[in-house]
Amino acid sequence: STIGAVPKQRKTVEAMGLRKINKTVEMPDNPAVRGMIQQVRHLVKV
């Protein structure tokens, strides 16, 4: 959950299209997406 997360991390998760727990999205493997994942690596599985 993003409940206890920093606001910047919440926005990053939402920008990736993830709204609910166990929701999955497919994104291209590029440096921008890798950077987003790095910021919230403790909240997501890749």
PDB file of all heavy atoms in Angstrom:
ATOM      1  N   SER A   1       0.813  -1.203   0.000  1.00  0.00           N
ATOM      2  CA  SER A   1       0.000   0.000   0.000  1.00  0.00           C
ATOM      3  C   SER A   1       0.853   1.263   0.000  1.00  0.00           C
ATOM      4  O   SER A   1       1.955   1.292   0.547  1.00  0.00           O
ATOM      5  CB  SER A   1      -0.898   0.002   1.238  1.00  0.00           C
ATOM      6  OG  SER A   1      -1.588   1.229   1.343  1.00  0.00           O
ATOM      7  N   THR A   2       0.309   2.317  -0.580  1.00  0.00           N
ATOM      8  CA  THR A   2       1.003   3.606  -0.604  1.00  0.00           C
ATOM      9  C   THR A   2       0.559   4.505   0.544  1.00  0.00           C
ATOM     10  O   THR A   2       0.944   5.671   0.594  1.00  0.00           O
ATOM     11  CB  THR A   2       0.748   4.327  -1.936  1.00  0.00           C
ATOM     12  OG1 THR A   2      -0.657   4.510  -2.106  1.00  0.00           O
ATOM     13  CG2 THR A   2       1.315   3.556  -3.103  1.00  0.00           C
ATOM     14  N   ILE A   3      -0.201   3.979   1.484  1.00  0.00           N
ATOM     15  CA  ILE A   3      -0.728   4.798   2.581  1.00  0.00           C
ATOM     16  C   ILE A   3       0.392   5.463   3.386  1.00  0.00           C
ATOM     17  O   ILE A   3       0.339   6.637   3.674  1.00  0.00           O
ATOM     18  CB  ILE A   3      -1.637   3.962   3.503  1.00  0.00           C
ATOM     19  CG1 ILE A   3      -2.940   3.654   2.790  1.00  0.00           C
ATOM     20  CG2 ILE A   3      -1.905   4.695   4.811  1.00  0.00           C
ATOM     21  CD1 ILE A   3      -3.871   2.735   3.539  1.00  0.00           C
ATOM     22  N   GLY A   4       1.429   4.718   3.734  1.00  0.00           N
ATOM     23  CA  GLY A   4       2.505   5.293   4.528  1.00  0.00           C
ATOM     24  C   GLY A   4       3.633   5.881   3.711  1.00  0.00           C
ATOM     25  O   GLY A   4       4.639   6.312   4.264  1.00  0.00           O
ATOM     26  N   ALA A   5       3.475   5.914   2.407  1.00  0.00           N
ATOM     27  CA  ALA A   5       4.557   6.367   1.524  1.00  0.00           C
ATOM     28  C   ALA A   5       4.633   7.894   1.455  1.00  0.00           C
ATOM     29  O   ALA A   5       3.669   8.605   1.742  1.00  0.00           O
ATOM     30  CB  ALA A   5       4.353   5.796   0.126  1.00  0.00           C
ATOM     31  N   VAL A   6       5.790   8.377   1.050  1.00  0.00           N
ATOM     32  CA  VAL A   6       6.015   9.800   0.837  1.00  0.00           C
ATOM     33  C   VAL A   6       5.134  10.247  -0.341  1.00  0.00           C
ATOM     34  O   VAL A   6       4.951   9.481  -1.291  1.00  0.00           O
ATOM     35  CB  VAL A   6       7.520  10.018   0.503  1.00  0.00           C
ATOM     36  CG1 VAL A   6       7.817  11.474   0.223  1.00  0.00           C
ATOM     37  CG2 VAL A   6       8.371   9.488   1.631  1.00  0.00           C
ATOM     38  N   PRO A   7       4.602  11.471  -0.308  1.00  0.00           N
ATOM     39  CA  PRO A   7       3.743  11.932  -1.408  1.00  0.00           C
ATOM     40  C   PRO A   7       4.370  11.788  -2.800  1.00  0.00           C
ATOM     41  O   PRO A   7       3.678  11.444  -3.750  1.00  0.00           O
ATOM     42  CB  PRO A   7       3.493  13.398  -1.070  1.00  0.00           C
ATOM     43  CG  PRO A   7       3.571  13.432   0.422  1.00  0.00           C
ATOM     44  CD  PRO A   7       4.632  12.432   0.791  1.00  0.00           C
ATOM     45  N   LYS A   8       5.662  12.015  -2.930  1.00  0.00           N
ATOM     46  CA  LYS A   8       6.327  11.867  -4.231  1.00  0.00           C
ATOM     47  C   LYS A   8       6.243  10.423  -4.717  1.00  0.00           C
ATOM     48  O   LYS A   8       6.053  10.163  -5.905  1.00  0.00           O
ATOM     49  CB  LYS A   8       7.790  12.301  -4.109  1.00  0.00           C
ATOM     50  CG  LYS A   8       8.534  12.295  -5.415  1.00  0.00           C
ATOM     51  CD  LYS A   8       9.940  12.824  -5.237  1.00  0.00           C
ATOM     52  CE  LYS A   8      10.683  12.814  -6.553  1.00  0.00           C
ATOM     53  NZ  LYS A   8      12.048  13.320  -6.413  1.00  0.00           N
ATOM     54  N   GLN A   9       6.366   9.472  -3.797  1.00  0.00           N
ATOM     55  CA  GLN A   9       6.277   8.064  -4.167  1.00  0.00           C
ATOM     56  C   GLN A   9       4.852   7.701  -4.561  1.00  0.00           C
ATOM     57  O   GLN A   9       4.637   6.930  -5.495  1.00  0.00           O
ATOM     58  CB  GLN A   9       6.745   7.182  -3.017  1.00  0.00           C
ATOM     59  CG  GLN A   9       8.228   7.315  -2.747  1.00  0.00           C
ATOM     60  CD  GLN A   9       8.663   6.605  -1.495  1.00  0.00           C
ATOM     61  OE1 GLN A   9       7.848   6.199  -0.673  1.00  0.00           O
ATOM     62  NE2 GLN A   9       9.961   6.453  -1.330  1.00  0.00           N
ATOM     63  N   ARG A  10       3.878   8.256  -3.876  1.00  0.00           N
ATOM     64  CA  ARG A  10       2.471   8.010  -4.239  1.00  0.00           C
ATOM     65  C   ARG A  10       2.196   8.479  -5.660  1.00  0.00           C
ATOM     66  O   ARG A  10       1.548   7.789  -6.446  1.00  0.00           O
ATOM     67  CB  ARG A  10       1.535   8.767  -3.294  1.00  0.00           C
ATOM     68  CG  ARG A  10       1.373   8.141  -1.966  1.00  0.00           C
ATOM     69  CD  ARG A  10       0.286   8.857  -1.188  1.00  0.00           C
ATOM     70  NE  ARG A  10       0.456   8.587   0.230  1.00  0.00           N
ATOM     71  CZ  ARG A  10      -0.193   9.206   1.177  1.00  0.00           C
ATOM     72  NH1 ARG A  10      -1.057  10.157   0.879  1.00  0.00           N
ATOM     73  NH2 ARG A  10       0.005   8.895   2.437  1.00  0.00           N
ATOM     74  N   LYS A  11       2.694   9.660  -5.992  1.00  0.00           N
ATOM     75  CA  LYS A  11       2.474  10.205  -7.333  1.00  0.00           C
ATOM     76  C   LYS A  11       3.179   9.368  -8.398  1.00  0.00           C
ATOM     77  O   LYS A  11       2.670   9.199  -9.495  1.00  0.00           O
ATOM     78  CB  LYS A  11       2.937  11.656  -7.392  1.00  0.00           C
ATOM     79  CG  LYS A  11       2.029  12.583  -6.630  1.00  0.00           C
ATOM     80  CD  LYS A  11       2.472  14.010  -6.707  1.00  0.00           C
ATOM     81  CE  LYS A  11       1.536  14.897  -5.901  1.00  0.00           C
ATOM     82  NZ  LYS A  11       1.965  16.301  -5.904  1.00  0.00           N
ATOM     83  N   THR A  12       4.353   8.849  -8.049  1.00  0.00           N
ATOM     84  CA  THR A  12       5.086   8.001  -8.991  1.00  0.00           C
ATOM     85  C   THR A  12       4.305   6.727  -9.280  1.00  0.00           C
ATOM     86  O   THR A  12       4.155   6.323 -10.433  1.00  0.00           O
ATOM     87  CB  THR A  12       6.481   7.651  -8.431  1.00  0.00           C
ATOM     88  OG1 THR A  12       7.204   8.863  -8.205  1.00  0.00           O
ATOM     89  CG2 THR A  12       7.255   6.778  -9.395  1.00  0.00           C
ATOM     90  N   VAL A  13       3.772   6.099  -8.224  1.00  0.00           N
ATOM     91  CA  VAL A  13       2.989   4.869  -8.392  1.00  0.00           C
ATOM     92  C   VAL A  13       1.745   5.155  -9.233  1.00  0.00           C
ATOM     93  O   VAL A  13       1.401   4.397 -10.140  1.00  0.00           O
ATOM     94  CB  VAL A  13       2.605   4.281  -7.018  1.00  0.00           C
ATOM     95  CG1 VAL A  13       1.559   3.189  -7.160  1.00  0.00           C
ATOM     96  CG2 VAL A  13       3.833   3.742  -6.304  1.00  0.00           C
ATOM     97  N   GLU A  14       1.095   6.269  -8.950  1.00  0.00           N
ATOM     98  CA  GLU A  14      -0.117   6.621  -9.697  1.00  0.00           C
ATOM     99  C   GLU A  14       0.211   6.935 -11.163  1.00  0.00           C
ATOM    100  O   GLU A  14      -0.538   6.579 -12.069  1.00  0.00           O
ATOM    101  CB  GLU A  14      -0.791   7.825  -9.041  1.00  0.00           C
ATOM    102  CG  GLU A  14      -2.252   7.937  -9.388  1.00  0.00           C
ATOM    103  CD  GLU A  14      -2.994   8.904  -8.486  1.00  0.00           C
ATOM    104  OE1 GLU A  14      -2.911   8.742  -7.258  1.00  0.00           O
ATOM    105  OE2 GLU A  14      -3.652   9.799  -9.034  1.00  0.00           O
ATOM    106  N   ALA A  15       1.358   7.556 -11.407  1.00  0.00           N
ATOM    107  CA  ALA A  15       1.769   7.881 -12.778  1.00  0.00           C
ATOM    108  C   ALA A  15       2.062   6.617 -13.582  1.00  0.00           C
ATOM    109  O   ALA A  15       1.939   6.614 -14.810  1.00  0.00           O
ATOM    110  CB  ALA A  15       3.005   8.774 -12.752  1.00  0.00           C
ATOM    111  N   MET A  16       2.417   5.555 -12.903  1.00  0.00           N
ATOM    112  CA  MET A  16       2.657   4.277 -13.584  1.00  0.00           C
ATOM    113  C   MET A  16       1.345   3.566 -13.876  1.00  0.00           C
ATOM    114  O   MET A  16       1.347   2.528 -14.530  1.00  0.00           O
ATOM    115  CB  MET A  16       3.568   3.385 -12.725  1.00  0.00           C
ATOM    116  CG  MET A  16       4.943   3.960 -12.655  1.00  0.00           C
ATOM    117  SD  MET A  16       6.251   3.211 -11.724  1.00  0.00           S
ATOM    118  CE  MET A  16       5.846   1.752 -11.052  1.00  0.00           C
ATOM    119  N   GLY A  17       0.230   4.107 -13.403  1.00  0.00           N
ATOM    120  CA  GLY A  17      -1.073   3.514 -13.696  1.00  0.00           C
ATOM    121  C   GLY A  17      -1.524   2.507 -12.649  1.00  0.00           C
ATOM    122  O   GLY A  17      -2.466   1.759 -12.889  1.00  0.00           O
ATOM    123  N   LEU A  18      -0.860   2.500 -11.494  1.00  0.00           N
ATOM    124  CA  LEU A  18      -1.220   1.553 -10.437  1.00  0.00           C
ATOM    125  C   LEU A  18      -2.096   2.260  -9.406  1.00  0.00           C
ATOM    126  O   LEU A  18      -1.666   3.218  -8.770  1.00  0.00           O
ATOM    127  CB  LEU A  18       0.055   1.012  -9.770  1.00  0.00           C
ATOM    128  CG  LEU A  18       0.988   0.248 -10.705  1.00  0.00           C
ATOM    129  CD1 LEU A  18       2.320   0.005 -10.043  1.00  0.00           C
ATOM    130  CD2 LEU A  18       0.359  -1.061 -11.125  1.00  0.00           C
ATOM    131  N   ARG A  19      -3.317   1.786  -9.252  1.00  0.00           N
ATOM    132  CA  ARG A  19      -4.256   2.418  -8.324  1.00  0.00           C
ATOM    133  C   ARG A  19      -4.541   1.539  -7.105  1.00  0.00           C
ATOM    134  O   ARG A  19      -4.736   2.041  -6.018  1.00  0.00           O
ATOM    135  CB  ARG A  19      -5.578   2.706  -9.030  1.00  0.00           C
ATOM    136  CG  ARG A  19      -5.447   3.537 -10.284  1.00  0.00           C
ATOM    137  CD  ARG A  19      -5.414   5.024  -9.965  1.00  0.00           C
ATOM    138  NE  ARG A  19      -5.494   5.818 -11.170  1.00  0.00           N
ATOM    139  CZ  ARG A  19      -4.443   6.355 -11.768  1.00  0.00           C
ATOM    140  NH1 ARG A  19      -3.245   6.151 -11.320  1.00  0.00           N
ATOM    141  NH2 ARG A  19      -4.596   7.096 -12.838  1.00  0.00           N
ATOM    142  N   LYS A  20      -4.591   0.226  -7.306  1.00  0.00           N
ATOM    143  CA  LYS A  20      -4.942  -0.698  -6.222  1.00  0.00           C
ATOM    144  C   LYS A  20      -3.868  -1.760  -6.057  1.00  0.00           C
ATOM    145  O   LYS A  20      -3.117  -2.043  -6.990  1.00  0.00           O
ATOM    146  CB  LYS A  20      -6.265  -1.392  -6.524  1.00  0.00           C
ATOM    147  CG  LYS A  20      -7.450  -0.457  -6.605  1.00  0.00           C
ATOM    148  CD  LYS A  20      -8.711  -1.229  -6.890  1.00  0.00           C
ATOM    149  CE  LYS A  20      -9.914  -0.292  -6.919  1.00  0.00           C
ATOM    150  NZ  LYS A  20     -11.154  -1.028  -7.130  1.00  0.00           N
ATOM    151  N   ILE A  21      -3.809  -2.348  -4.881  1.00  0.00           N
ATOM    152  CA  ILE A  21      -2.861  -3.425  -4.618  1.00  0.00           C
ATOM    153  C   ILE A  21      -3.182  -4.604  -5.538  1.00  0.00           C
ATOM    154  O   ILE A  21      -4.341  -4.900  -5.820  1.00  0.00           O
ATOM    155  CB  ILE A  21      -2.922  -3.849  -3.135  1.00  0.00           C
ATOM    156  CG1 ILE A  21      -2.410  -2.711  -2.265  1.00  0.00           C
ATOM    157  CG2 ILE A  21      -2.090  -5.090  -2.885  1.00  0.00           C
ATOM    158  CD1 ILE A  21      -2.437  -2.985  -0.791  1.00  0.00           C
ATOM    159  N   ASN A  22      -2.141  -5.265  -6.007  1.00  0.00           N
ATOM    160  CA  ASN A  22      -2.195  -6.410  -6.928  1.00  0.00           C
ATOM    161  C   ASN A  22      -2.606  -6.020  -8.343  1.00  0.00           C
ATOM    162  O   ASN A  22      -2.832  -6.889  -9.178  1.00  0.00           O
ATOM    163  CB  ASN A  22      -3.072  -7.546  -6.405  1.00  0.00           C
ATOM    164  CG  ASN A  22      -2.450  -8.209  -5.198  1.00  0.00           C
ATOM    165  OD1 ASN A  22      -1.230  -8.330  -5.106  1.00  0.00           O
ATOM    166  ND2 ASN A  22      -3.277  -8.613  -4.258  1.00  0.00           N
ATOM    167  N   LYS A  23      -2.708  -4.741  -8.631  1.00  0.00           N
ATOM    168  CA  LYS A  23      -2.956  -4.281  -9.998  1.00  0.00           C
ATOM    169  C   LYS A  23      -1.651  -4.384 -10.769  1.00  0.00           C
ATOM    170  O   LYS A  23      -0.581  -4.082 -10.244  1.00  0.00           O
ATOM    171  CB  LYS A  23      -3.449  -2.829  -9.957  1.00  0.00           C
ATOM    172  CG  LYS A  23      -3.553  -2.145 -11.279  1.00  0.00           C
ATOM    173  CD  LYS A  23      -4.867  -2.401 -11.950  1.00  0.00           C
ATOM    174  CE  LYS A  23      -5.020  -1.429 -13.118  1.00  0.00           C
ATOM    175  NZ  LYS A  23      -5.296  -2.045 -14.353  1.00  0.00           N
ATOM    176  N   THR A  24      -1.715  -4.848 -12.004  1.00  0.00           N
ATOM    177  CA  THR A  24      -0.527  -5.032 -12.833  1.00  0.00           C
ATOM    178  C   THR A  24      -0.636  -4.208 -14.109  1.00  0.00           C
ATOM    179  O   THR A  24      -1.701  -4.123 -14.710  1.00  0.00           O
ATOM    180  CB  THR A  24      -0.366  -6.523 -13.199  1.00  0.00           C
ATOM    181  OG1 THR A  24      -0.264  -7.273 -11.995  1.00  0.00           O
ATOM    182  CG2 THR A  24       0.872  -6.746 -14.030  1.00  0.00           C
ATOM    183  N   VAL A  25       0.485  -3.597 -14.501  1.00  0.00           N
ATOM    184  CA  VAL A  25       0.552  -2.861 -15.761  1.00  0.00           C
ATOM    185  C   VAL A  25       1.795  -3.310 -16.523  1.00  0.00           C
ATOM    186  O   VAL A  25       2.758  -3.781 -15.933  1.00  0.00           O
ATOM    187  CB  VAL A  25       0.608  -1.324 -15.546  1.00  0.00           C
ATOM    188  CG1 VAL A  25      -0.675  -0.813 -14.948  1.00  0.00           C
ATOM    189  CG2 VAL A  25       1.799  -0.929 -14.701  1.00  0.00           C
ATOM    190  N   GLU A  26       1.746  -3.174 -17.842  1.00  0.00           N
ATOM    191  CA  GLU A  26       2.903  -3.461 -18.683  1.00  0.00           C
ATOM    192  C   GLU A  26       3.429  -2.139 -19.211  1.00  0.00           C
ATOM    193  O   GLU A  26       2.681  -1.333 -19.738  1.00  0.00           O
ATOM    194  CB  GLU A  26       2.515  -4.364 -19.853  1.00  0.00           C
ATOM    195  CG  GLU A  26       2.249  -5.784 -19.449  1.00  0.00           C
ATOM    196  CD  GLU A  26       1.989  -6.686 -20.646  1.00  0.00           C
ATOM    197  OE1 GLU A  26       2.251  -6.266 -21.788  1.00  0.00           O
ATOM    198  OE2 GLU A  26       1.525  -7.813 -20.413  1.00  0.00           O
ATOM    199  N   MET A  27       4.729  -1.928 -19.035  1.00  0.00           N
ATOM    200  CA  MET A  27       5.359  -0.690 -19.485  1.00  0.00           C
ATOM    201  C   MET A  27       6.618  -1.035 -20.281  1.00  0.00           C
ATOM    202  O   MET A  27       7.215  -2.094 -20.056  1.00  0.00           O
ATOM    203  CB  MET A  27       5.710   0.199 -18.296  1.00  0.00           C
ATOM    204  CG  MET A  27       4.498   0.630 -17.496  1.00  0.00           C
ATOM    205  SD  MET A  27       4.880   1.842 -16.239  1.00  0.00           S
ATOM    206  CE  MET A  27       4.873   3.327 -17.199  1.00  0.00           C
ATOM    207  N   PRO A  28       7.028  -0.162 -21.183  1.00  0.00           N
ATOM    208  CA  PRO A  28       8.254  -0.425 -21.951  1.00  0.00           C
ATOM    209  C   PRO A  28       9.475  -0.371 -21.039  1.00  0.00           C
ATOM    210  O   PRO A  28       9.487   0.342 -20.038  1.00  0.00           O
ATOM    211  CB  PRO A  28       8.284   0.708 -22.977  1.00  0.00           C
ATOM    212  CG  PRO A  28       7.433   1.773 -22.400  1.00  0.00           C
ATOM    213  CD  PRO A  28       6.397   1.090 -21.562  1.00  0.00           C
ATOM    214  N   ASP A  29      10.484  -1.133 -21.398  1.00  0.00           N
ATOM    215  CA  ASP A  29      11.717  -1.162 -20.620  1.00  0.00           C
ATOM    216  C   ASP A  29      12.640  -0.066 -21.142  1.00  0.00           C
ATOM    217  O   ASP A  29      13.363  -0.247 -22.107  1.00  0.00           O
ATOM    218  CB  ASP A  29      12.378  -2.536 -20.748  1.00  0.00           C
ATOM    219  CG  ASP A  29      13.572  -2.682 -19.828  1.00  0.00           C
ATOM    220  OD1 ASP A  29      13.854  -1.734 -19.063  1.00  0.00           O
ATOM    221  OD2 ASP A  29      14.229  -3.728 -19.867  1.00  0.00           O
ATOM    222  N   ASN A  30      12.574   1.106 -20.510  1.00  0.00           N
ATOM    223  CA  ASN A  30      13.450   2.216 -20.894  1.00  0.00           C
ATOM    224  C   ASN A  30      13.966   2.908 -19.629  1.00  0.00           C
ATOM    225  O   ASN A  30      13.479   2.636 -18.534  1.00  0.00           O
ATOM    226  CB  ASN A  30      12.719   3.191 -21.837  1.00  0.00           C
ATOM    227  CG  ASN A  30      11.495   3.803 -21.208  1.00  0.00           C
ATOM    228  OD1 ASN A  30      11.458   4.111 -20.024  1.00  0.00           O
ATOM    229  ND2 ASN A  30      10.450   3.974 -22.011  1.00  0.00           N
ATOM    230  N   PRO A  31      14.948   3.784 -19.750  1.00  0.00           N
ATOM    231  CA  PRO A  31      15.532   4.416 -18.561  1.00  0.00           C
ATOM    232  C   PRO A  31      14.536   5.205 -17.706  1.00  0.00           C
ATOM    233  O   PRO A  31      14.658   5.227 -16.479  1.00  0.00           O
ATOM    234  CB  PRO A  31      16.601   5.346 -19.141  1.00  0.00           C
ATOM    235  CG  PRO A  31      16.974   4.720 -20.432  1.00  0.00           C
ATOM    236  CD  PRO A  31      15.711   4.097 -20.965  1.00  0.00           C
ATOM    237  N   ALA A  32      13.542   5.830 -18.321  1.00  0.00           N
ATOM    238  CA  ALA A  32      12.563   6.609 -17.560  1.00  0.00           C
ATOM    239  C   ALA A  32      11.737   5.700 -16.653  1.00  0.00           C
ATOM    240  O   ALA A  32      11.538   5.998 -15.467  1.00  0.00           O
ATOM    241  CB  ALA A  32      11.651   7.373 -18.512  1.00  0.00           C
ATOM    242  N   VAL A  33      11.265   4.597 -17.191  1.00  0.00           N
ATOM    243  CA  VAL A  33      10.463   3.652 -16.411  1.00  0.00           C
ATOM    244  C   VAL A  33      11.333   2.988 -15.336  1.00  0.00           C
ATOM    245  O   VAL A  33      10.900   2.810 -14.202  1.00  0.00           O
ATOM    246  CB  VAL A  33       9.808   2.600 -17.327  1.00  0.00           C
ATOM    247  CG1 VAL A  33       9.116   1.532 -16.512  1.00  0.00           C
ATOM    248  CG2 VAL A  33       8.820   3.272 -18.267  1.00  0.00           C
ATOM    249  N   ARG A  34      12.565   2.653 -15.687  1.00  0.00           N
ATOM    250  CA  ARG A  34      13.488   2.052 -14.705  1.00  0.00           C
ATOM    251  C   ARG A  34      13.721   3.006 -13.533  1.00  0.00           C
ATOM    252  O   ARG A  34      13.811   2.590 -12.390  1.00  0.00           O
ATOM    253  CB  ARG A  34      14.825   1.705 -15.367  1.00  0.00           C
ATOM    254  CG  ARG A  34      14.765   0.529 -16.295  1.00  0.00           C
ATOM    255  CD  ARG A  34      14.803  -0.758 -15.549  1.00  0.00           C
ATOM    256  NE  ARG A  34      14.804  -1.899 -16.467  1.00  0.00           N
ATOM    257  CZ  ARG A  34      14.933  -3.136 -16.063  1.00  0.00           C
ATOM    258  NH1 ARG A  34      15.067  -3.425 -14.799  1.00  0.00           N
ATOM    259  NH2 ARG A  34      14.901  -4.119 -16.938  1.00  0.00           N
ATOM    260  N   GLY A  35      13.804   4.306 -13.813  1.00  0.00           N
ATOM    261  CA  GLY A  35      13.975   5.299 -12.745  1.00  0.00           C
ATOM    262  C   GLY A  35      12.765   5.370 -11.838  1.00  0.00           C
ATOM    263  O   GLY A  35      12.902   5.497 -10.617  1.00  0.00           O
ATOM    264  N   MET A  36      11.567   5.284 -12.429  1.00  0.00           N
ATOM    265  CA  MET A  36      10.339   5.286 -11.625  1.00  0.00           C
ATOM    266  C   MET A  36      10.300   4.060 -10.723  1.00  0.00           C
ATOM    267  O   MET A  36       9.951   4.154  -9.540  1.00  0.00           O
ATOM    268  CB  MET A  36       9.109   5.308 -12.537  1.00  0.00           C
ATOM    269  CG  MET A  36       8.951   6.581 -13.327  1.00  0.00           C
ATOM    270  SD  MET A  36       7.682   6.464 -14.593  1.00  0.00           S
ATOM    271  CE  MET A  36       6.217   6.707 -13.643  1.00  0.00           C
ATOM    272  N   ILE A  37      10.673   2.905 -11.270  1.00  0.00           N
ATOM    273  CA  ILE A  37      10.681   1.670 -10.496  1.00  0.00           C
ATOM    274  C   ILE A  37      11.686   1.780  -9.351  1.00  0.00           C
ATOM    275  O   ILE A  37      11.407   1.357  -8.226  1.00  0.00           O
ATOM    276  CB  ILE A  37      11.012   0.467 -11.398  1.00  0.00           C
ATOM    277  CG1 ILE A  37       9.865   0.225 -12.369  1.00  0.00           C
ATOM    278  CG2 ILE A  37      11.293  -0.774 -10.576  1.00  0.00           C
ATOM    279  CD1 ILE A  37      10.199  -0.744 -13.488  1.00  0.00           C
ATOM    280  N   GLN A  38      12.833   2.373  -9.621  1.00  0.00           N
ATOM    281  CA  GLN A  38      13.872   2.504  -8.597  1.00  0.00           C
ATOM    282  C   GLN A  38      13.375   3.328  -7.411  1.00  0.00           C
ATOM    283  O   GLN A  38      13.696   3.029  -6.263  1.00  0.00           O
ATOM    284  CB  GLN A  38      15.116   3.152  -9.222  1.00  0.00           C
ATOM    285  CG  GLN A  38      16.328   3.183  -8.336  1.00  0.00           C
ATOM    286  CD  GLN A  38      16.889   1.799  -8.055  1.00  0.00           C
ATOM    287  OE1 GLN A  38      16.680   0.870  -8.817  1.00  0.00           O
ATOM    288  NE2 GLN A  38      17.596   1.676  -6.956  1.00  0.00           N
ATOM    289  N   GLN A  39      12.562   4.355  -7.673  1.00  0.00           N
ATOM    290  CA  GLN A  39      12.047   5.204  -6.605  1.00  0.00           C
ATOM    291  C   GLN A  39      11.071   4.466  -5.696  1.00  0.00           C
ATOM    292  O   GLN A  39      10.975   4.777  -4.514  1.00  0.00           O
ATOM    293  CB  GLN A  39      11.317   6.414  -7.187  1.00  0.00           C
ATOM    294  CG  GLN A  39      12.229   7.505  -7.640  1.00  0.00           C
ATOM    295  CD  GLN A  39      11.454   8.768  -7.944  1.00  0.00           C
ATOM    296  OE1 GLN A  39      10.294   8.720  -8.364  1.00  0.00           O
ATOM    297  NE2 GLN A  39      12.087   9.887  -7.724  1.00  0.00           N
ATOM    298  N   VAL A  40      10.321   3.518  -6.246  1.00  0.00           N
ATOM    299  CA  VAL A  40       9.285   2.831  -5.462  1.00  0.00           C
ATOM    300  C   VAL A  40       9.520   1.323  -5.437  1.00  0.00           C
ATOM    301  O   VAL A  40       8.580   0.546  -5.358  1.00  0.00           O
ATOM    302  CB  VAL A  40       7.869   3.159  -6.001  1.00  0.00           C
ATOM    303  CG1 VAL A  40       7.537   4.624  -5.803  1.00  0.00           C
ATOM    304  CG2 VAL A  40       7.738   2.781  -7.464  1.00  0.00           C
ATOM    305  N   ARG A  41      10.782   0.905  -5.477  1.00  0.00           N
ATOM    306  CA  ARG A  41      11.110  -0.522  -5.560  1.00  0.00           C
ATOM    307  C   ARG A  41      10.610  -1.319  -4.373  1.00  0.00           C
ATOM    308  O   ARG A  41      10.398  -2.517  -4.474  1.00  0.00           O
ATOM    309  CB  ARG A  41      12.610  -0.716  -5.756  1.00  0.00           C
ATOM    310  CG  ARG A  41      13.459  -0.227  -4.605  1.00  0.00           C
ATOM    311  CD  ARG A  41      14.945  -0.295  -4.975  1.00  0.00           C
ATOM    312  NE  ARG A  41      15.781   0.271  -3.941  1.00  0.00           N
ATOM    313  CZ  ARG A  41      16.086   1.545  -3.832  1.00  0.00           C
ATOM    314  NH1 ARG A  41      15.604   2.410  -4.710  1.00  0.00           N
ATOM    315  NH2 ARG A  41      16.856   1.982  -2.846  1.00  0.00           N
ATOM    316  N   HIS A  42      10.379  -0.661  -3.223  1.00  0.00           N
ATOM    317  CA  HIS A  42       9.876  -1.360  -2.048  1.00  0.00           C
ATOM    318  C   HIS A  42       8.363  -1.560  -2.086  1.00  0.00           C
ATOM    319  O   HIS A  42       7.804  -2.287  -1.279  1.00  0.00           O
ATOM    320  CB  HIS A  42      10.269  -0.589  -0.784  1.00  0.00           C
ATOM    321  CG  HIS A  42       9.752   0.821  -0.749  1.00  0.00           C
ATOM    322  ND1 HIS A  42      10.242   1.796  -1.579  1.00  0.00           N
ATOM    323  CD2 HIS A  42       8.781   1.374  -0.009  1.00  0.00           C
ATOM    324  CE1 HIS A  42       9.586   2.939  -1.330  1.00  0.00           C
ATOM    325  NE2 HIS A  42       8.687   2.686  -0.389  1.00  0.00           N
ATOM    326  N   LEU A  43       7.683  -0.962  -3.063  1.00  0.00           N
ATOM    327  CA  LEU A  43       6.230  -1.074  -3.174  1.00  0.00           C
ATOM    328  C   LEU A  43       5.778  -1.954  -4.333  1.00  0.00           C
ATOM    329  O   LEU A  43       4.614  -2.351  -4.374  1.00  0.00           O
ATOM    330  CB  LEU A  43       5.605   0.323  -3.374  1.00  0.00           C
ATOM    331  CG  LEU A  43       5.871   1.367  -2.286  1.00  0.00           C
ATOM    332  CD1 LEU A  43       5.299   2.713  -2.715  1.00  0.00           C
ATOM    333  CD2 LEU A  43       5.285   0.931  -0.970  1.00  0.00           C
ATOM    334  N   VAL A  44       6.675  -2.222  -5.262  1.00  0.00           N
ATOM    335  CA  VAL A  44       6.288  -2.942  -6.476  1.00  0.00           C
ATOM    336  C   VAL A  44       7.118  -4.200  -6.697  1.00  0.00           C
ATOM    337  O   VAL A  44       8.195  -4.367  -6.129  1.00  0.00           O
ATOM    338  CB  VAL A  44       6.416  -2.049  -7.730  1.00  0.00           C
ATOM    339  CG1 VAL A  44       5.487  -0.856  -7.650  1.00  0.00           C
ATOM    340  CG2 VAL A  44       7.851  -1.599  -7.951  1.00  0.00           C
ATOM    341  N   LYS A  45       6.561  -5.090  -7.543  1.00  0.00           N
ATOM    342  CA  LYS A  45       7.266  -6.285  -8.000  1.00  0.00           C
ATOM    343  C   LYS A  45       7.384  -6.151  -9.511  1.00  0.00           C
ATOM    344  O   LYS A  45       6.420  -5.810 -10.183  1.00  0.00           O
ATOM    345  CB  LYS A  45       6.469  -7.537  -7.627  1.00  0.00           C
ATOM    346  CG  LYS A  45       7.112  -8.840  -8.067  1.00  0.00           C
ATOM    347  CD  LYS A  45       6.291 -10.040  -7.633  1.00  0.00           C
ATOM    348  CE  LYS A  45       5.118 -10.213  -8.580  1.00  0.00           C
ATOM    349  NZ  LYS A  45       4.359 -11.423  -8.394  1.00  0.00           N
ATOM    350  N   VAL A  46       8.588  -6.435 -10.030  1.00  0.00           N
ATOM    351  CA  VAL A  46       8.847  -6.243 -11.463  1.00  0.00           C
ATOM    352  C   VAL A  46       9.259  -7.569 -12.095  1.00  0.00           C
ATOM    353  O   VAL A  46      10.075  -8.301 -11.540  1.00  0.00           O
ATOM    354  CB  VAL A  46       9.956  -5.196 -11.678  1.00  0.00           C
ATOM    355  CG1 VAL A  46      10.207  -4.992 -13.156  1.00  0.00           C
ATOM    356  CG2 VAL A  46       9.600  -3.891 -11.008  1.00  0.00           C
TER     357      VAL A  46
END
